[in-house]
């Protein structure tokens, strides 16, 4: 392996280590070699083998194609193929938590989110919304056999799923975020509720009302967080410091849901695809281009966090009217 590439690879690994971790010890342990052999590789005195390079890249989620700059315009994404997807609420949440665990290991990470329908992380304050969202995805879009011909039931979320959701929410709350909303946030989710009700897919139709009311609670809680510029769990008080939240409203439509994270050295992007699956890349050129687009969106959007009370109130009043209209439609369908 060329010295420059080997040096760059070790540099990428080092960026992901905690301050108390030793690069030499990590390389020695991961490659099953002595400390002396590890440091010879770190000092570029001994070249890494192909298998050693593969181990380091795989373990630390580093794109070898990016390291060698294979060709401009090609980007390597990580994702879970549908045929390998063991679908359950718990497995889905575990995958997201793993991503947040890696993110929190970075020094002072900051994230940028564009929301084009459901604010997934805020919805974790109300787990029933997440359960319905994933159920709808599994049955209607993925067509998972075990979900077919089964009506949606009001069931208690498992203790494991609740705990995983709680950990994800805590991680999200502890990271500074800049969030860009569009004018139709949650509209698609409400349409899914109405669709299930209209096709008689609720075991208890009145549960549709409960879900709509959870959406109302979500929007109220999110508005409170935006007003103080701090993230905190539903039912608790805003923190005195940290957890900064900066929110902008895009007067048009966010065409995708993007999660871009950055710190001093390790940057990356998560994109939703196939409705609720997600792609991940640390390709520098792609991340840079994505950040430039987000910056342009921000420059063309209105800030509603902490300041601009009038526009913030108007925005959430319009969302409230939308929810009320859907609630009326739900009630009409239940009573017909």
Foldseek 3Di string as FASTA:
>chain_A
DDPQLLQVLLVLVVQQAAPPDDSLVVLCVQVVHDSVVSVCSNVVVDPDDPVSSVSSCVVSVNDPCLSVVVDPPDFDKDFDDPVRDPDDLLVVLVVLLVVLVSVVSGDQKEKEKEAFAEPVLLCLLPVVLVRVVSLCCVCPQVVPPVSPPAADEDDDDDPSSNVSSVSSNVSLQQHHYEYEYELHYNVVSLVSLLVCLVVVRHPDLCVSLVNLVSVVVSLVQVLVCQQAQHDDRPPDDGDPDGSGYWYWYQHHGDPFIKMWMDDPPFIKIWTADSNRIIIIGRNPVVSVVVVVVSVVSRVNTGIRGNDDPVVSVVSSVSVVVSSVVSSVSSVVSVVD
